[in-house]
Amino acid sequence: MNSPPSSYSKEDGGILLKQKLSKNTQLFSVLVLLLFEFWNIIYTDKNLEVTNMEFMSAREAANKWGISQRRVALLCSEQRIDNAMMIGNMWIIPSVAEKPIDARSTRYTKSEGKNVKPFVKWAGGKGQLLKEIEQYYPFANGKITKYAEPFVGGGAVLFDILSKYELEEVYISDINEDLMNAYRVIRDEIDELVDMLQTMQDEYVPLDDEERRKYYTSKRDYFNTLKVGEDEGINIAKAALMIFLNKTCFNGLFRVNKKGAFNVPMGAYKNPVICDEANLRAVSEKLQNVTIVCGDYRDSADFIDEHTFVYFDPPYRPLTDTSSFTAYTENLFNDEEQIELAKFVDAMDKKGAKIVVSNSDPKNTNEEDEFFDEIYSAHTIKRVEASRMINSNSAARGKIKELLISNF
């Protein structure tokens, strides 16, 4: 393949490619990708200086920056990415381009968007503690413009913040691959997801109890056969099935066995809302500029700085030997892990981040247990009242104390 002449301009490039390539869209896309693979687009800038530049697709930029492909296209159309250009119906972006800073307000302002709520019920969800936690929100002075939640779970605090504030950057992560896949699918593939959920709702709700049980079991078995990966169709199906199971299983619990298989039995909901389309679309809109990561909480270190508010809500330290009933991944978070997290919190504190950590209060069952008082001795510990809503033993549910630990 011949290289383009040195006088090749950005405008000429788009015209030349369109003229030479087939009208067939698929062939056009393949040829464009091949062109990017074997030679750089060479064009003359406004100063007539010849520049060599490598490009990436909008999808590659979305994966690199942790945002949706739709968001990348919007940034390109707003001319927020230097030297981005459209060839045919495809945006291409310089490979060296940095993710643009969000142009929306980064100060303490009320969001004009819709209020959103978690799309799944989650063990240890913080909906009941929002009034306590929101007292720690440090956005009023305008210095804190970023938010990170490395154990996002159901995202009660995340969605409260997204509903109230417009921030420069938001980062969420969790080690639960199925959960983070669901977040990403809601952000990037909302139309297909809603269609699948609506179909399952229409099929499931009219059934009697026995037929529901068969339907639920078949969906649970199918869910356990699917693996999140390169196939986006499978990823969407996995996310839809996860939400379906969460809305129809016992207590809305997400629990896996040691092999990583979801094993919660069917619940007894009479008329479950499996497809809450209005909230799902509102969630999708709020997640458009959110970086979504499946990984360890330590991966957030590069994101966290002195402009960041961080909320850590790790798996709680069990109060009893049977508390692991609520475990939602095959990896347990033992005392050693709790100590490592406390060290990480100290390291992020030294960066200047504003930090809040929540956990169980061991003094509920043992007044002499100083575990958290010792590992977080450099920080402020507040004991607040909460209700344990998810437990296999109904007698173990009720009012308990939980910890809110902060460095400010």
Protein backbone atom coordinates (compact mmCIF):
# COMPACT_ATOMS: atom_id res chain seq x y z
CA MET A 1 0.00 0.00 0.00
CA ASN A 2 1.40 3.41 -0.98
CA SER A 3 1.85 6.04 1.70
CA PRO A 4 -0.07 9.29 1.23
CA PRO A 5 1.82 12.30 -0.18
CA SER A 6 3.40 14.84 2.18
CA SER A 7 0.84 17.47 1.17
CA TYR A 8 -1.95 15.26 2.46
CA SER A 9 -4.36 17.38 4.56
CA LYS A 10 -6.93 16.41 7.18
CA GLU A 11 -9.82 17.42 4.89
CA ASP A 12 -8.31 15.72 1.82
CA GLY A 13 -7.75 12.61 3.87
CA GLY A 14 -11.42 12.15 4.68
CA ILE A 15 -12.45 12.77 1.04
CA LEU A 16 -9.77 10.49 -0.37
CA LEU A 17 -10.68 7.62 1.94
CA LYS A 18 -14.38 7.96 1.13
CA GLN A 19 -13.65 7.94 -2.62
CA LYS A 20 -11.38 4.91 -2.53
CA LEU A 21 -13.33 2.74 -0.14
CA SER A 22 -16.42 0.70 -1.00
CA LYS A 23 -19.83 2.05 -0.16
CA ASN A 24 -20.39 -1.05 1.87
CA THR A 25 -20.19 0.12 5.54
CA GLN A 26 -18.64 -3.06 6.89
CA LEU A 27 -15.92 -3.14 4.22
CA PHE A 28 -15.29 0.56 4.79
CA SER A 29 -14.80 0.03 8.54
CA VAL A 30 -12.45 -2.93 7.99
CA LEU A 31 -10.33 -1.01 5.48
CA VAL A 32 -10.09 2.00 7.78
CA LEU A 33 -8.85 -0.20 10.61
CA LEU A 34 -6.30 -1.81 8.26
CA LEU A 35 -5.09 1.63 7.21
CA PHE A 36 -4.54 2.57 10.84
CA GLU A 37 -2.67 -0.68 11.43
CA PHE A 38 -0.09 -0.27 8.63
CA TRP A 39 0.46 3.43 8.24
CA ASN A 40 -0.09 6.70 10.06
CA ILE A 41 -2.38 9.35 8.72
CA ILE A 42 -0.24 12.23 7.56
CA TYR A 43 -1.79 15.63 7.21
CA THR A 44 -0.81 19.28 7.17
CA ASP A 45 -2.03 21.44 10.06
CA LYS A 46 -3.19 25.05 9.94
CA ASN A 47 0.40 26.23 9.82
CA LEU A 48 1.08 23.92 6.83
CA GLU A 49 3.52 21.88 8.92
CA VAL A 50 3.50 18.15 8.17
CA THR A 51 2.62 16.04 11.22
CA ASN A 52 2.75 12.26 11.71
CA MET A 53 0.10 10.98 14.09
CA GLU A 54 -1.26 7.60 15.21
CA PHE A 55 -4.98 7.30 15.85
CA MET A 56 -7.32 5.11 17.88
CA SER A 57 -11.02 4.41 17.46
CA ALA A 58 -13.72 5.88 19.72
CA ARG A 59 -14.17 2.46 21.31
CA GLU A 60 -10.45 2.24 22.08
CA ALA A 61 -10.54 5.74 23.59
CA ALA A 62 -13.57 4.79 25.68
CA ASN A 63 -11.76 1.73 27.06
CA LYS A 64 -8.58 3.74 27.69
CA TRP A 65 -10.36 6.55 29.54
CA GLY A 66 -12.97 4.45 31.33
CA ILE A 67 -15.96 6.29 29.84
CA SER A 68 -18.66 5.33 27.37
CA GLN A 69 -18.18 5.36 23.61
CA ARG A 70 -21.17 7.69 23.40
CA ARG A 71 -19.36 10.11 25.73
CA VAL A 72 -16.24 9.99 23.52
CA ALA A 73 -18.33 10.81 20.43
CA LEU A 74 -19.91 13.74 22.27
CA LEU A 75 -16.49 15.09 23.29
CA CYS A 76 -15.34 14.83 19.67
CA SER A 77 -18.43 16.61 18.35
CA GLU A 78 -17.89 19.39 20.90
CA GLN A 79 -14.30 19.73 19.59
CA ARG A 80 -12.97 18.97 23.06
CA ILE A 81 -10.33 16.54 21.73
CA ASP A 82 -7.60 18.13 19.63
CA ASN A 83 -7.13 16.69 16.13
CA ALA A 84 -10.03 14.23 16.46
CA MET A 85 -11.77 13.79 13.13
CA MET A 86 -14.60 11.85 11.57
CA ILE A 87 -14.05 9.51 8.64
CA GLY A 88 -17.34 8.25 7.29
CA ASN A 89 -19.41 7.66 10.42
CA MET A 90 -16.44 6.90 12.65
CA TRP A 91 -14.58 9.22 15.01
CA ILE A 92 -10.83 8.71 15.25
CA ILE A 93 -8.73 10.22 18.03
CA PRO A 94 -4.97 10.74 18.33
CA SER A 95 -3.51 7.89 20.35
CA VAL A 96 -1.65 10.33 22.58
CA ALA A 97 -4.79 12.34 23.40
CA GLU A 98 -5.59 12.75 27.10
CA LYS A 99 -9.09 12.43 28.52
CA PRO A 100 -10.57 15.97 28.54
CA ILE A 101 -11.49 17.52 31.87
CA ASP A 102 -15.26 17.56 32.21
CA ALA A 103 -16.51 20.99 31.20
CA ARG A 104 -19.40 20.84 33.62
CA SER A 105 -19.24 22.73 36.92
CA THR A 106 -16.72 21.36 39.37
CA ARG A 107 -17.90 23.38 42.33
CA TYR A 108 -20.57 22.78 44.92
CA THR A 109 -23.71 22.92 42.78
CA LYS A 110 -26.94 21.05 42.87
CA SER A 111 -27.32 18.69 39.93
CA GLU A 112 -30.15 19.53 37.59
CA GLY A 113 -30.53 15.90 36.53
CA LYS A 114 -32.91 13.30 37.89
CA ASN A 115 -32.38 11.71 41.27
CA VAL A 116 -31.18 8.15 40.88
CA LYS A 117 -31.20 5.16 43.20
CA PRO A 118 -29.29 1.86 43.26
CA PHE A 119 -30.40 -0.59 40.56
CA VAL A 120 -29.79 -3.60 42.83
CA LYS A 121 -30.36 -4.42 46.46
CA TRP A 122 -27.01 -5.13 48.08
CA ALA A 123 -25.83 -6.67 51.33
CA GLY A 124 -24.61 -3.84 53.53
CA GLY A 125 -26.23 -1.19 51.34
CA LYS A 126 -25.93 2.29 52.84
CA GLY A 127 -29.33 3.73 51.97
CA GLN A 128 -30.33 3.88 55.64
CA LEU A 129 -27.09 5.67 56.62
CA LEU A 130 -27.10 8.35 53.92
CA LYS A 131 -28.20 11.04 56.34
CA GLU A 132 -25.16 10.28 58.49
CA ILE A 133 -22.71 9.87 55.61
CA GLU A 134 -23.81 12.99 53.71
CA GLN A 135 -22.67 15.08 56.67
CA TYR A 136 -19.12 14.22 55.59
CA TYR A 137 -19.51 15.38 51.96
CA PRO A 138 -16.64 17.90 51.54
CA PHE A 139 -17.69 19.58 48.30
CA ALA A 140 -18.80 22.96 49.68
CA ASN A 141 -15.49 24.83 49.38
CA GLY A 142 -14.86 23.85 45.75
CA LYS A 143 -11.46 22.28 46.46
CA ILE A 144 -12.77 18.70 46.36
CA THR A 145 -13.78 18.06 42.74
CA LYS A 146 -13.40 14.27 42.48
CA TYR A 147 -15.05 11.25 44.07
CA ALA A 148 -13.81 7.66 44.42
CA GLU A 149 -15.64 4.63 45.79
CA PRO A 150 -13.41 1.54 45.54
CA PHE A 151 -15.97 -0.87 47.13
CA VAL A 152 -18.98 0.49 45.30
CA GLY A 153 -21.40 -2.39 45.85
CA GLY A 154 -24.96 -1.22 45.27
CA GLY A 155 -23.80 2.39 45.08
CA ALA A 156 -26.19 4.13 47.49
CA VAL A 157 -23.61 6.80 48.35
CA LEU A 158 -22.44 7.04 44.74
CA PHE A 159 -25.93 7.71 43.41
CA ASP A 160 -26.69 10.16 46.21
CA ILE A 161 -23.59 12.16 45.24
CA LEU A 162 -24.29 11.92 41.50
CA SER A 163 -27.84 13.15 42.13
CA LYS A 164 -26.67 16.16 44.13
CA TYR A 165 -23.36 17.31 42.68
CA GLU A 166 -21.61 17.82 39.36
CA LEU A 167 -17.99 16.72 39.83
CA GLU A 168 -14.94 16.77 37.61
CA GLU A 169 -14.18 13.05 37.84
CA VAL A 170 -15.75 10.00 39.47
CA TYR A 171 -14.14 6.58 39.91
CA ILE A 172 -15.85 3.39 41.10
CA SER A 173 -14.57 -0.15 41.43
CA ASP A 174 -15.28 -3.52 43.00
CA ILE A 175 -13.76 -6.99 42.69
CA ASN A 176 -17.17 -8.45 41.83
CA GLU A 177 -16.87 -8.91 38.06
CA ASP A 178 -20.58 -9.48 37.50
CA LEU A 179 -21.51 -6.32 39.40
CA MET A 180 -19.04 -4.11 37.54
CA ASN A 181 -20.15 -5.61 34.25
CA ALA A 182 -23.71 -4.57 35.15
CA TYR A 183 -22.58 -0.99 35.87
CA ARG A 184 -20.76 -0.80 32.55
CA VAL A 185 -23.62 -2.33 30.55
CA ILE A 186 -26.07 0.15 32.11
CA ARG A 187 -23.73 2.96 31.10
CA ASP A 188 -22.97 1.76 27.56
CA GLU A 189 -25.76 -0.59 26.43
CA ILE A 190 -28.91 0.65 28.15
CA ASP A 191 -31.35 0.05 25.26
CA GLU A 192 -30.49 -3.63 24.84
CA LEU A 193 -30.46 -4.15 28.62
CA VAL A 194 -33.92 -2.62 29.08
CA ASP A 195 -35.32 -4.79 26.28
CA MET A 196 -34.01 -7.97 27.93
CA LEU A 197 -35.27 -7.04 31.39
CA GLN A 198 -38.71 -6.08 30.09
CA THR A 199 -38.97 -9.43 28.33
CA MET A 200 -38.09 -11.30 31.53
CA GLN A 201 -40.58 -9.25 33.53
CA ASP A 202 -43.36 -9.96 31.02
CA GLU A 203 -42.55 -13.68 31.09
CA TYR A 204 -42.02 -14.11 34.85
CA VAL A 205 -44.68 -12.04 36.61
CA PRO A 206 -47.80 -13.80 35.22
CA LEU A 207 -46.54 -17.29 36.23
CA ASP A 208 -47.76 -19.23 39.27
CA ASP A 209 -45.31 -20.09 42.05
CA GLU A 210 -44.25 -23.45 40.63
CA GLU A 211 -43.70 -22.10 37.13
CA ARG A 212 -41.84 -19.11 38.57
CA ARG A 213 -39.52 -21.46 40.42
CA LYS A 214 -38.72 -23.35 37.23
CA TYR A 215 -38.19 -20.10 35.32
CA TYR A 216 -35.98 -18.67 38.09
CA THR A 217 -33.87 -21.83 38.31
CA SER A 218 -33.33 -21.93 34.55
CA LYS A 219 -32.20 -18.29 34.53
CA ARG A 220 -29.91 -18.87 37.50
CA ASP A 221 -28.32 -21.89 35.81
CA TYR A 222 -27.87 -19.91 32.59
CA PHE A 223 -26.35 -16.99 34.51
CA ASN A 224 -23.77 -19.33 36.02
CA THR A 225 -22.70 -20.60 32.58
CA LEU A 226 -21.97 -17.13 31.19
CA LYS A 227 -18.58 -15.48 31.57
CA VAL A 228 -17.91 -11.76 31.23
CA GLY A 229 -15.44 -11.14 28.43
CA GLU A 230 -14.98 -9.92 24.88
CA ASP A 231 -18.46 -10.88 23.64
CA GLU A 232 -20.64 -7.84 24.34
CA GLY A 233 -23.81 -9.82 23.69
CA ILE A 234 -22.89 -12.20 26.52
CA ASN A 235 -21.96 -9.28 28.76
CA ILE A 236 -25.37 -7.67 28.24
CA ALA A 237 -27.17 -10.96 28.88
CA LYS A 238 -25.11 -11.53 32.04
CA ALA A 239 -26.00 -8.06 33.35
CA ALA A 240 -29.71 -8.53 32.60
CA LEU A 241 -29.73 -11.91 34.32
CA MET A 242 -27.93 -10.51 37.36
CA ILE A 243 -30.53 -7.77 37.78
CA PHE A 244 -33.37 -10.26 37.24
CA LEU A 245 -31.97 -12.60 39.90
CA ASN A 246 -31.40 -9.72 42.31
CA LYS A 247 -35.03 -8.62 41.93
CA THR A 248 -36.49 -12.11 42.36
CA CYS A 249 -34.16 -14.00 44.72
CA PHE A 250 -34.45 -14.42 48.50
CA ASN A 251 -33.98 -11.06 50.25
CA GLY A 252 -32.45 -9.52 47.12
CA LEU A 253 -29.16 -11.14 48.15
CA PHE A 254 -26.18 -11.65 45.85
CA ARG A 255 -24.17 -14.59 47.15
CA VAL A 256 -21.84 -17.05 45.48
CA ASN A 257 -20.37 -20.34 46.65
CA LYS A 258 -16.68 -21.22 46.76
CA LYS A 259 -16.77 -22.09 43.06
CA GLY A 260 -18.11 -18.63 42.25
CA ALA A 261 -21.61 -19.83 41.32
CA PHE A 262 -24.64 -17.77 42.34
CA ASN A 263 -26.68 -20.02 44.63
CA VAL A 264 -29.44 -17.93 46.25
CA PRO A 265 -32.94 -19.50 46.12
CA MET A 266 -36.00 -17.75 44.72
CA GLY A 267 -37.75 -15.16 46.85
CA ALA A 268 -41.45 -14.75 47.50
CA TYR A 269 -42.15 -11.36 45.89
CA LYS A 270 -45.69 -11.14 44.50
CA ASN A 271 -45.12 -8.48 41.87
CA PRO A 272 -41.38 -7.71 41.54
CA VAL A 273 -40.32 -4.75 39.38
CA ILE A 274 -37.66 -6.42 37.28
CA CYS A 275 -37.37 -3.63 34.71
CA ASP A 276 -37.39 -0.21 36.38
CA GLU A 277 -36.78 1.51 33.07
CA ALA A 278 -37.01 5.11 34.28
CA ASN A 279 -34.39 4.60 36.99
CA LEU A 280 -32.12 2.48 34.78
CA ARG A 281 -32.04 5.19 32.12
CA ALA A 282 -31.40 7.86 34.76
CA VAL A 283 -28.55 5.73 36.15
CA SER A 284 -27.14 5.31 32.63
CA GLU A 285 -27.12 9.06 32.15
CA LYS A 286 -25.37 9.67 35.46
CA LEU A 287 -22.71 7.04 34.72
CA GLN A 288 -21.66 8.50 31.36
CA ASN A 289 -18.57 10.24 32.74
CA VAL A 290 -17.80 7.70 35.48
CA THR A 291 -14.69 5.52 35.31
CA ILE A 292 -15.80 1.92 36.03
CA VAL A 293 -13.13 -0.56 37.07
CA CYS A 294 -13.28 -4.22 38.07
CA GLY A 295 -10.35 -4.57 40.42
CA ASP A 296 -8.78 -4.28 43.82
CA TYR A 297 -9.27 -1.13 45.88
CA ARG A 298 -5.53 -0.45 45.62
CA ASP A 299 -5.99 0.23 41.91
CA SER A 300 -7.61 3.55 42.88
CA ALA A 301 -4.30 4.94 44.20
CA ASP A 302 -3.40 6.70 40.95
CA PHE A 303 -6.81 8.39 40.81
CA ILE A 304 -6.84 9.63 44.41
CA ASP A 305 -5.22 12.99 45.19
CA GLU A 306 -5.77 16.06 47.36
CA HIS A 307 -8.88 16.96 45.34
CA THR A 308 -10.61 13.64 46.02
CA PHE A 309 -13.30 12.52 48.46
CA VAL A 310 -13.00 8.77 48.99
CA TYR A 311 -15.58 6.50 50.57
CA PHE A 312 -14.42 3.00 51.53
CA ASP A 313 -17.19 0.51 52.31
CA PRO A 314 -15.36 -2.83 52.46
CA PRO A 315 -16.91 -6.20 53.32
CA TYR A 316 -17.71 -5.85 57.00
CA ARG A 317 -15.80 -7.69 59.67
CA PRO A 318 -18.17 -10.49 60.78
CA LEU A 319 -19.81 -10.04 64.18
CA THR A 320 -20.51 -13.77 64.42
CA ASP A 321 -19.14 -16.97 62.88
CA THR A 322 -22.15 -17.22 60.54
CA SER A 323 -22.02 -13.66 59.24
CA SER A 324 -20.28 -14.85 56.06
CA PHE A 325 -23.81 -15.73 54.83
CA THR A 326 -23.76 -12.36 53.12
CA ALA A 327 -20.44 -12.89 51.30
CA TYR A 328 -20.85 -11.76 47.70
CA THR A 329 -17.63 -12.98 46.15
CA GLU A 330 -15.61 -16.15 46.59
CA ASN A 331 -12.85 -14.04 48.21
CA LEU A 332 -13.24 -13.41 51.93
CA PHE A 333 -12.07 -10.16 53.54
CA ASN A 334 -10.42 -11.26 56.78
CA ASP A 335 -8.68 -9.30 59.56
CA GLU A 336 -5.42 -9.26 57.62
CA GLU A 337 -7.21 -7.61 54.72
CA GLN A 338 -8.83 -5.09 57.07
CA ILE A 339 -5.39 -4.13 58.40
CA GLU A 340 -4.02 -3.74 54.85
CA LEU A 341 -6.95 -1.48 54.00
CA ALA A 342 -6.23 0.67 57.06
CA LYS A 343 -2.63 1.07 55.85
CA PHE A 344 -3.90 2.08 52.41
CA VAL A 345 -6.21 4.64 54.01
CA ASP A 346 -3.22 6.09 55.85
CA ALA A 347 -1.31 6.33 52.56
CA MET A 348 -4.21 8.12 50.84
CA ASP A 349 -4.51 10.41 53.87
CA LYS A 350 -0.92 11.49 53.28
CA LYS A 351 -1.90 12.44 49.72
CA GLY A 352 -4.37 14.93 51.17
CA ALA A 353 -7.59 13.12 50.22
CA LYS A 354 -10.73 13.44 52.33
CA ILE A 355 -11.66 9.93 53.48
CA VAL A 356 -14.57 8.14 55.14
CA VAL A 357 -14.55 4.41 55.97
CA SER A 358 -17.50 2.37 57.21
CA ASN A 359 -17.46 -0.99 58.97
CA SER A 360 -19.16 -3.10 61.62
CA ASP A 361 -18.64 -2.32 65.29
CA PRO A 362 -17.21 -5.37 67.06
CA LYS A 363 -18.38 -3.89 70.36
CA ASN A 364 -21.90 -5.01 69.42
CA THR A 365 -20.90 -8.49 70.54
CA ASN A 366 -17.70 -7.90 72.52
CA GLU A 367 -17.17 -4.68 74.48
CA GLU A 368 -13.49 -5.50 74.83
CA ASP A 369 -12.83 -5.75 71.08
CA GLU A 370 -10.66 -2.75 70.08
CA PHE A 371 -9.76 -3.99 66.60
CA PHE A 372 -10.90 -0.95 64.59
CA ASP A 373 -10.08 1.52 67.36
CA GLU A 374 -6.49 0.32 67.12
CA ILE A 375 -5.96 0.10 63.36
CA TYR A 376 -7.67 3.49 62.79
CA SER A 377 -6.27 5.15 65.91
CA ALA A 378 -5.00 8.13 63.86
CA HIS A 379 -8.52 8.95 62.67
CA THR A 380 -11.90 9.90 64.10
CA ILE A 381 -14.33 7.08 64.85
CA LYS A 382 -18.06 7.69 65.16
CA ARG A 383 -20.56 5.02 66.18
CA VAL A 384 -23.95 5.27 64.47
CA GLU A 385 -27.13 3.22 64.70
CA ALA A 386 -28.14 1.04 61.76
CA SER A 387 -30.41 -1.90 60.97
CA ARG A 388 -29.16 -5.22 59.71
CA MET A 389 -31.65 -6.03 56.96
CA ILE A 390 -30.06 -9.06 55.27
CA ASN A 391 -29.33 -12.11 57.38
CA SER A 392 -30.21 -15.80 57.12
CA ASN A 393 -31.37 -15.71 60.74
CA SER A 394 -34.31 -13.35 61.30
CA ALA A 395 -33.46 -13.17 65.01
CA ALA A 396 -30.12 -11.61 64.06
CA ARG A 397 -31.75 -8.70 62.27
CA GLY A 398 -32.35 -5.43 64.06
CA LYS A 399 -30.65 -2.32 65.43
CA ILE A 400 -26.88 -2.42 65.79
CA LYS A 401 -23.99 0.05 65.89
CA GLU A 402 -21.78 0.64 62.87
CA LEU A 403 -18.60 2.67 62.47
CA LEU A 404 -17.95 5.76 60.38
CA ILE A 405 -14.23 6.51 60.37
CA SER A 406 -12.93 9.78 58.92
CA ASN A 407 -9.64 11.67 58.57
CA PHE A 408 -11.25 15.10 58.92
